[in-house]
Structure formats: C-alpha cells, structure tokens
Amino acid sequence: MLWILTQDDKSIINVKEVSIDGKKIEGIIGSASLDHWSKVIGKYDTKERTNEVLQDMFTKLAEHENNVITYEMPKN
C-alpha cells in the first residue's frame, strides 16, 4: 500500500499505480473496465525532474519490505 502526500500538501491518497504524463506525475486511485481515476500528485519544471522524482519513488519502494509505504512529493 502506497500513501502519498501530494505536492500541494492538500491530499494524502492511496495510489495503486504512479505514471508520468509530460511534466506531471499522476497517481491512479481506482479503475473499472476501461476507465481509470487519477489525480495529479506532482508537477515539475522539466521532464528530467519528473523522471528523477519517479525514480526516487521507486527507490523508496525497493528499500522497504513492509506493506505500508509513505512518500512526500518534492516541492521542486
């Protein structure tokens, strides 16, 4: 289970999947059939920075063996 504090500090959400859309990182919070519901959890100045943040999230996930992981989206 991955809980994320969004970049704007206005939401803590449980995400099932994280993906990049240009300079935004989206958290998939649910899906049904062909639809999925997502929320922008962070937006960055460059695609390179967006990729760095995603890699940082992956590293944190890989370092933890427990079932509940929290992550705070970087402001920049």
Protein backbone atom coordinates (compact mmCIF):
# COMPACT_ATOMS: atom_id res chain seq x y z
CA MET A 1 0.00 0.00 0.00
CA LEU A 2 1.46 3.36 -1.06
CA TRP A 3 0.24 6.55 0.62
CA ILE A 4 1.36 9.81 -0.99
CA LEU A 5 1.24 13.35 0.34
CA THR A 6 0.56 15.44 -2.76
CA GLN A 7 2.91 18.22 -3.79
CA ASP A 8 0.41 20.90 -2.73
CA ASP A 9 0.02 19.31 0.76
CA LYS A 10 -3.76 19.22 0.30
CA SER A 11 -4.30 15.47 -0.01
CA ILE A 12 -2.98 12.18 1.23
CA ILE A 13 -4.01 9.49 -1.22
CA ASN A 14 -3.61 5.76 -1.52
CA VAL A 15 -2.44 5.00 -5.05
CA LYS A 16 -2.46 1.76 -6.98
CA GLU A 17 -0.12 2.96 -9.73
CA VAL A 18 2.04 6.01 -10.48
CA SER A 19 2.67 7.27 -14.01
CA ILE A 20 4.20 10.23 -15.84
CA ASP A 21 2.19 12.44 -18.16
CA GLY A 22 4.61 15.00 -19.60
CA LYS A 23 5.83 17.07 -16.63
CA LYS A 24 3.15 15.71 -14.28
CA ILE A 25 3.11 12.66 -12.07
CA GLU A 26 -0.28 11.06 -11.65
CA GLY A 27 -1.45 8.60 -9.07
CA ILE A 28 -4.03 6.08 -10.23
CA ILE A 29 -6.53 5.77 -7.40
CA GLY A 30 -9.04 3.39 -8.95
CA SER A 31 -10.22 1.74 -12.13
CA ALA A 32 -13.10 -0.12 -13.67
CA SER A 33 -13.25 -1.71 -17.10
CA LEU A 34 -11.57 0.72 -19.48
CA ASP A 35 -11.75 3.75 -17.18
CA HIS A 36 -9.31 4.82 -14.51
CA TRP A 37 -9.42 7.60 -11.97
CA SER A 38 -6.26 9.54 -11.37
CA LYS A 39 -5.06 12.62 -9.55
CA VAL A 40 -2.06 14.82 -10.29
CA ILE A 41 0.23 14.33 -7.31
CA GLY A 42 3.10 16.50 -8.55
CA LYS A 43 4.10 18.80 -11.40
CA TYR A 44 7.70 19.77 -12.22
CA ASP A 45 9.51 22.24 -14.46
CA THR A 46 11.16 19.65 -16.71
CA LYS A 47 10.57 16.09 -17.87
CA GLU A 48 14.01 15.21 -16.49
CA ARG A 49 13.00 16.32 -12.98
CA THR A 50 9.73 14.41 -13.31
CA ASN A 51 11.71 11.26 -14.15
CA GLU A 52 14.06 11.86 -11.19
CA VAL A 53 11.12 12.05 -8.79
CA LEU A 54 9.63 8.85 -10.20
CA GLN A 55 12.99 7.09 -9.78
CA ASP A 56 13.19 8.36 -6.19
CA MET A 57 9.76 6.89 -5.51
CA PHE A 58 10.87 3.57 -6.97
CA THR A 59 14.00 3.56 -4.80
CA LYS A 60 11.96 4.17 -1.66
CA LEU A 61 9.59 1.34 -2.61
CA ALA A 62 12.51 -1.02 -3.21
CA GLU A 63 14.10 -0.16 0.15
CA HIS A 64 11.02 -1.07 2.20
CA GLU A 65 9.76 -4.56 2.80
CA ASN A 66 6.66 -3.65 4.78
CA ASN A 67 3.19 -3.36 3.31
CA VAL A 68 2.63 0.34 4.02
CA ILE A 69 4.89 2.94 2.43
CA THR A 70 4.54 6.70 2.64
CA TYR A 71 6.05 9.22 0.24
CA GLU A 72 6.00 13.01 0.26
CA MET A 73 6.11 14.58 -3.19
CA PRO A 74 9.01 17.06 -3.52
CA LYS A 75 8.01 20.71 -3.88
CA ASN A 76 10.52 21.35 -6.73
